[in-house]
């Protein structure tokens, strides 16, 4: 079975990614396939997020393998609640998975 198919997404490996949109905003998302998801965002229709539609510049600035969907969703939620300056720290330091979890105060188990 193709790991990129819809049938495998729930049990597959999930990634957190961050994009620069336009001039200076940061978009955060999770996916099982970062390259595919970036193509969808850039296409600006269908499965691309409404937030990124119409952005003239979409650049991947950070991505990291997280593991399970639940943990990826918790991390995404925490990052989306951060101030822009803190999001920029994540990007500029290129945190490892362990460092990212510590920075966000997220534990493996929930």
N, C-alpha and C. Protein backbone atom coordinates (compact mmCIF):
# COMPACT_ATOMS: atom_id res chain seq x y z
N UNK A 1 0.84 -1.18 0.00
CA UNK A 1 0.00 0.00 0.00
C UNK A 1 0.88 1.24 0.00
N UNK A 2 0.52 2.22 -0.81
CA UNK A 2 1.27 3.47 -0.91
C UNK A 2 1.12 4.28 0.37
N UNK A 3 2.23 4.63 1.05
CA UNK A 3 2.15 5.37 2.30
C UNK A 3 1.57 6.76 2.14
N UNK A 4 1.49 7.26 0.92
CA UNK A 4 0.91 8.58 0.70
C UNK A 4 -0.60 8.53 0.47
N UNK A 5 -1.15 7.32 0.36
CA UNK A 5 -2.59 7.20 0.11
C UNK A 5 -3.38 7.56 1.35
N UNK A 6 -4.64 7.91 1.14
CA UNK A 6 -5.52 8.29 2.25
C UNK A 6 -5.68 7.15 3.25
N UNK A 7 -5.58 5.91 2.81
CA UNK A 7 -5.78 4.76 3.69
C UNK A 7 -4.69 4.64 4.75
N UNK A 8 -3.50 5.17 4.48
CA UNK A 8 -2.38 5.01 5.40
C UNK A 8 -2.11 6.23 6.26
N UNK A 9 -2.76 7.33 5.98
CA UNK A 9 -2.39 8.58 6.63
C UNK A 9 -2.54 8.55 8.14
N UNK A 10 -3.56 7.97 8.65
CA UNK A 10 -3.78 7.99 10.09
C UNK A 10 -2.67 7.24 10.84
N UNK A 11 -2.20 6.13 10.30
CA UNK A 11 -1.21 5.34 10.99
C UNK A 11 0.22 5.62 10.58
N UNK A 12 0.43 6.48 9.61
CA UNK A 12 1.77 6.75 9.11
C UNK A 12 2.54 7.72 9.97
N UNK A 13 3.69 8.10 9.48
CA UNK A 13 4.54 9.08 10.17
C UNK A 13 4.09 10.48 9.77
N UNK A 14 3.92 11.31 10.78
CA UNK A 14 3.46 12.69 10.55
C UNK A 14 4.61 13.67 10.74
N UNK A 15 4.55 14.75 9.99
CA UNK A 15 5.54 15.81 10.02
C UNK A 15 4.86 17.14 10.34
N UNK A 16 5.59 17.99 11.03
CA UNK A 16 5.17 19.36 11.26
C UNK A 16 5.98 20.20 10.29
N UNK A 17 5.34 21.20 9.68
CA UNK A 17 6.06 22.07 8.77
C UNK A 17 5.61 23.52 8.97
N UNK A 18 6.49 24.43 8.59
CA UNK A 18 6.18 25.86 8.66
C UNK A 18 6.57 26.51 7.34
N UNK A 19 5.69 27.39 6.87
CA UNK A 19 5.89 28.11 5.62
C UNK A 19 5.92 29.61 5.89
N UNK A 20 6.74 30.32 5.14
CA UNK A 20 6.63 31.78 5.11
C UNK A 20 5.63 32.09 4.01
N UNK A 21 4.64 32.89 4.36
CA UNK A 21 3.61 33.30 3.40
C UNK A 21 3.74 34.79 3.14
N UNK A 22 3.77 35.15 1.88
CA UNK A 22 3.88 36.57 1.55
C UNK A 22 5.17 37.14 2.09
N UNK A 23 5.06 38.26 2.73
CA UNK A 23 6.24 38.95 3.23
C UNK A 23 6.74 38.42 4.57
N UNK A 24 5.83 38.20 5.51
CA UNK A 24 6.36 37.89 6.84
C UNK A 24 5.45 37.08 7.75
N UNK A 25 4.45 36.43 7.23
CA UNK A 25 3.62 35.61 8.11
C UNK A 25 4.08 34.15 8.05
N UNK A 26 3.86 33.44 9.12
CA UNK A 26 4.24 32.02 9.19
C UNK A 26 2.99 31.16 9.30
N UNK A 27 2.92 30.15 8.48
CA UNK A 27 1.83 29.17 8.50
C UNK A 27 2.40 27.86 9.02
N UNK A 28 1.68 27.21 9.91
CA UNK A 28 2.10 25.92 10.48
C UNK A 28 1.07 24.86 10.13
N UNK A 29 1.54 23.68 9.75
CA UNK A 29 0.64 22.58 9.44
C UNK A 29 1.29 21.25 9.73
N UNK A 30 0.49 20.19 9.61
CA UNK A 30 1.00 18.82 9.76
C UNK A 30 0.56 18.01 8.53
N UNK A 31 1.35 17.02 8.21
CA UNK A 31 1.07 16.20 7.04
C UNK A 31 1.88 14.91 7.11
N UNK A 32 1.53 13.97 6.26
CA UNK A 32 2.34 12.76 6.12
C UNK A 32 3.31 12.87 4.95
N UNK A 33 3.17 13.93 4.15
CA UNK A 33 4.02 14.11 2.97
C UNK A 33 4.22 15.62 2.75
N UNK A 34 5.34 16.14 3.20
CA UNK A 34 5.60 17.58 3.15
C UNK A 34 5.65 18.09 1.72
N UNK A 35 6.31 17.38 0.82
CA UNK A 35 6.42 17.83 -0.57
C UNK A 35 5.04 17.93 -1.23
N UNK A 36 4.22 16.91 -1.04
CA UNK A 36 2.87 16.93 -1.60
C UNK A 36 2.06 18.09 -1.04
N UNK A 37 2.16 18.28 0.26
CA UNK A 37 1.38 19.34 0.92
C UNK A 37 1.82 20.72 0.43
N UNK A 38 3.11 20.92 0.23
CA UNK A 38 3.60 22.19 -0.28
C UNK A 38 3.06 22.43 -1.70
N UNK A 39 3.03 21.40 -2.52
CA UNK A 39 2.46 21.53 -3.86
C UNK A 39 0.99 21.93 -3.79
N UNK A 40 0.26 21.33 -2.86
CA UNK A 40 -1.15 21.67 -2.69
C UNK A 40 -1.33 23.13 -2.27
N UNK A 41 -0.51 23.58 -1.34
CA UNK A 41 -0.58 24.98 -0.92
C UNK A 41 -0.28 25.91 -2.10
N UNK A 42 0.75 25.58 -2.84
CA UNK A 42 1.14 26.45 -3.96
C UNK A 42 0.11 26.45 -5.07
N UNK A 43 -0.63 25.36 -5.23
CA UNK A 43 -1.69 25.31 -6.25
C UNK A 43 -2.82 26.27 -5.89
N UNK A 44 -3.01 26.53 -4.60
CA UNK A 44 -3.97 27.52 -4.16
C UNK A 44 -5.43 27.13 -4.29
N UNK A 45 -5.69 25.86 -4.46
CA UNK A 45 -7.08 25.42 -4.58
C UNK A 45 -7.19 24.01 -4.02
N UNK A 46 -8.37 23.49 -3.97
CA UNK A 46 -8.56 22.12 -3.49
C UNK A 46 -8.18 21.98 -2.04
N UNK A 47 -7.17 21.16 -1.79
CA UNK A 47 -6.80 20.83 -0.42
C UNK A 47 -5.85 21.83 0.22
N UNK A 48 -5.42 22.84 -0.50
CA UNK A 48 -4.57 23.87 0.08
C UNK A 48 -5.35 24.66 1.12
N UNK A 49 -4.69 25.04 2.20
CA UNK A 49 -5.36 25.78 3.28
C UNK A 49 -5.81 27.15 2.79
N UNK A 50 -6.98 27.60 3.27
CA UNK A 50 -7.49 28.92 2.91
C UNK A 50 -6.48 30.01 3.26
N UNK A 51 -5.78 29.83 4.37
CA UNK A 51 -4.82 30.84 4.83
C UNK A 51 -3.75 31.12 3.78
N UNK A 52 -3.31 30.09 3.07
CA UNK A 52 -2.21 30.27 2.13
C UNK A 52 -2.67 30.62 0.72
N UNK A 53 -3.97 30.58 0.47
CA UNK A 53 -4.47 30.93 -0.87
C UNK A 53 -4.20 32.39 -1.14
N UNK A 54 -3.72 32.67 -2.31
CA UNK A 54 -3.44 34.05 -2.69
C UNK A 54 -2.08 34.56 -2.24
N UNK A 55 -1.35 33.76 -1.48
CA UNK A 55 0.00 34.17 -1.09
C UNK A 55 0.91 34.05 -2.31
N UNK A 56 1.64 35.09 -2.59
CA UNK A 56 2.51 35.08 -3.76
C UNK A 56 3.81 34.33 -3.51
N UNK A 57 4.16 34.24 -2.25
CA UNK A 57 5.40 33.55 -1.89
C UNK A 57 5.10 32.54 -0.80
N UNK A 58 5.36 31.28 -1.07
CA UNK A 58 5.24 30.22 -0.08
C UNK A 58 6.57 29.48 -0.04
N UNK A 59 7.25 29.60 1.06
CA UNK A 59 8.57 28.98 1.19
C UNK A 59 8.60 28.10 2.43
N UNK A 60 9.01 26.85 2.25
CA UNK A 60 9.17 25.95 3.38
C UNK A 60 10.40 26.37 4.17
N UNK A 61 10.19 26.69 5.46
CA UNK A 61 11.31 27.16 6.28
C UNK A 61 11.64 26.21 7.42
N UNK A 62 10.76 25.23 7.69
CA UNK A 62 11.02 24.29 8.79
C UNK A 62 10.14 23.07 8.60
N UNK A 63 10.71 21.91 8.76
CA UNK A 63 9.92 20.68 8.81
C UNK A 63 10.66 19.67 9.66
N UNK A 64 9.87 18.86 10.35
CA UNK A 64 10.46 17.87 11.24
C UNK A 64 9.53 16.68 11.38
N UNK A 65 10.11 15.49 11.41
CA UNK A 65 9.34 14.27 11.63
C UNK A 65 8.90 14.23 13.09
N UNK A 66 7.61 14.03 13.31
CA UNK A 66 7.06 14.01 14.66
C UNK A 66 6.72 12.60 15.10
N UNK A 67 6.09 11.83 14.25
CA UNK A 67 5.66 10.49 14.62
C UNK A 67 4.17 10.33 14.41
N UNK A 68 3.44 10.09 15.49
CA UNK A 68 2.01 9.86 15.40
C UNK A 68 1.20 11.12 15.18
N UNK A 69 -0.01 10.93 14.66
CA UNK A 69 -0.89 12.05 14.35
C UNK A 69 -1.28 12.84 15.60
N UNK A 70 -1.56 12.17 16.69
CA UNK A 70 -1.98 12.85 17.91
C UNK A 70 -0.93 13.82 18.43
N UNK A 71 0.30 13.36 18.49
CA UNK A 71 1.39 14.23 18.95
C UNK A 71 1.60 15.38 17.97
N UNK A 72 1.55 15.09 16.67
CA UNK A 72 1.72 16.14 15.67
C UNK A 72 0.63 17.21 15.82
N UNK A 73 -0.60 16.79 16.06
CA UNK A 73 -1.70 17.74 16.23
C UNK A 73 -1.51 18.59 17.48
N UNK A 74 -1.03 18.00 18.56
CA UNK A 74 -0.78 18.78 19.79
C UNK A 74 0.32 19.82 19.57
N UNK A 75 1.37 19.43 18.88
CA UNK A 75 2.47 20.35 18.60
C UNK A 75 1.99 21.47 17.68
N UNK A 76 1.25 21.12 16.65
CA UNK A 76 0.72 22.13 15.73
C UNK A 76 -0.14 23.14 16.50
N UNK A 77 -0.99 22.66 17.36
CA UNK A 77 -1.86 23.54 18.16
C UNK A 77 -1.04 24.49 19.02
N UNK A 78 -0.01 23.98 19.67
CA UNK A 78 0.85 24.82 20.52
C UNK A 78 1.57 25.89 19.70
N UNK A 79 2.09 25.49 18.55
CA UNK A 79 2.82 26.45 17.73
C UNK A 79 1.88 27.54 17.22
N UNK A 80 0.69 27.16 16.81
CA UNK A 80 -0.26 28.16 16.30
C UNK A 80 -0.65 29.17 17.37
N UNK A 81 -0.50 28.83 18.64
CA UNK A 81 -0.82 29.75 19.73
C UNK A 81 0.36 30.63 20.14
N UNK A 82 1.56 30.35 19.60
CA UNK A 82 2.75 31.13 19.94
C UNK A 82 2.70 32.52 19.32
N UNK A 83 3.43 33.43 19.95
CA UNK A 83 3.67 34.73 19.35
C UNK A 83 4.59 34.54 18.14
N UNK A 84 4.53 35.49 17.24
CA UNK A 84 5.36 35.40 16.03
C UNK A 84 6.84 35.28 16.37
N UNK A 85 7.29 36.02 17.37
CA UNK A 85 8.71 35.98 17.75
C UNK A 85 9.12 34.58 18.19
N UNK A 86 8.24 33.89 18.90
CA UNK A 86 8.55 32.52 19.33
C UNK A 86 8.54 31.54 18.16
N UNK A 87 7.64 31.75 17.21
CA UNK A 87 7.64 30.91 16.00
C UNK A 87 8.95 31.10 15.24
N UNK A 88 9.42 32.34 15.21
CA UNK A 88 10.68 32.62 14.51
C UNK A 88 11.87 31.96 15.21
N UNK A 89 11.79 31.80 16.52
CA UNK A 89 12.84 31.08 17.26
C UNK A 89 12.89 29.63 16.79
N UNK A 90 11.72 29.01 16.66
CA UNK A 90 11.66 27.62 16.20
C UNK A 90 12.32 27.50 14.84
N UNK A 91 11.98 28.40 13.94
CA UNK A 91 12.53 28.37 12.58
C UNK A 91 14.04 28.63 12.58
N UNK A 92 14.46 29.69 13.26
CA UNK A 92 15.87 30.08 13.20
C UNK A 92 16.80 29.07 13.87
N UNK A 93 16.33 28.45 14.93
CA UNK A 93 17.17 27.47 15.62
C UNK A 93 17.06 26.07 15.02
N UNK A 94 16.07 25.84 14.18
CA UNK A 94 15.91 24.53 13.56
C UNK A 94 15.85 23.41 14.59
N UNK A 95 15.03 23.60 15.61
CA UNK A 95 14.94 22.65 16.72
C UNK A 95 14.85 21.19 16.28
N UNK A 96 15.55 20.34 17.01
CA UNK A 96 15.36 18.90 16.87
C UNK A 96 14.00 18.57 17.45
N UNK A 97 13.53 17.37 17.24
CA UNK A 97 12.23 16.94 17.79
C UNK A 97 12.22 17.09 19.31
N UNK A 98 13.27 16.61 19.95
CA UNK A 98 13.35 16.67 21.42
C UNK A 98 13.34 18.12 21.92
N UNK A 99 14.13 18.98 21.27
CA UNK A 99 14.19 20.38 21.67
C UNK A 99 12.86 21.10 21.42
N UNK A 100 12.19 20.75 20.33
CA UNK A 100 10.90 21.35 20.02
C UNK A 100 9.87 20.99 21.10
N UNK A 101 9.85 19.71 21.48
CA UNK A 101 8.91 19.28 22.52
C UNK A 101 9.17 20.02 23.82
N UNK A 102 10.45 20.17 24.17
CA UNK A 102 10.81 20.89 25.39
C UNK A 102 10.43 22.36 25.32
N UNK A 103 10.70 23.00 24.21
CA UNK A 103 10.38 24.42 24.02
C UNK A 103 8.89 24.67 24.16
N UNK A 104 8.09 23.72 23.65
CA UNK A 104 6.63 23.87 23.67
C UNK A 104 6.00 23.33 24.96
N UNK A 105 6.76 22.60 25.75
CA UNK A 105 6.21 21.99 26.94
C UNK A 105 5.24 20.86 26.63
N UNK A 106 5.53 20.12 25.57
CA UNK A 106 4.67 19.01 25.15
C UNK A 106 5.37 17.70 25.51
N UNK A 107 4.64 16.80 26.12
CA UNK A 107 5.21 15.49 26.45
C UNK A 107 4.80 14.46 25.41
N UNK A 108 5.58 13.43 25.32
CA UNK A 108 5.31 12.34 24.36
C UNK A 108 3.94 11.70 24.59
N UNK A 109 3.61 11.48 25.84
CA UNK A 109 2.39 10.73 26.15
C UNK A 109 1.12 11.53 26.13
N UNK A 110 1.19 12.83 26.11
CA UNK A 110 -0.04 13.60 26.06
C UNK A 110 -0.09 14.56 27.13
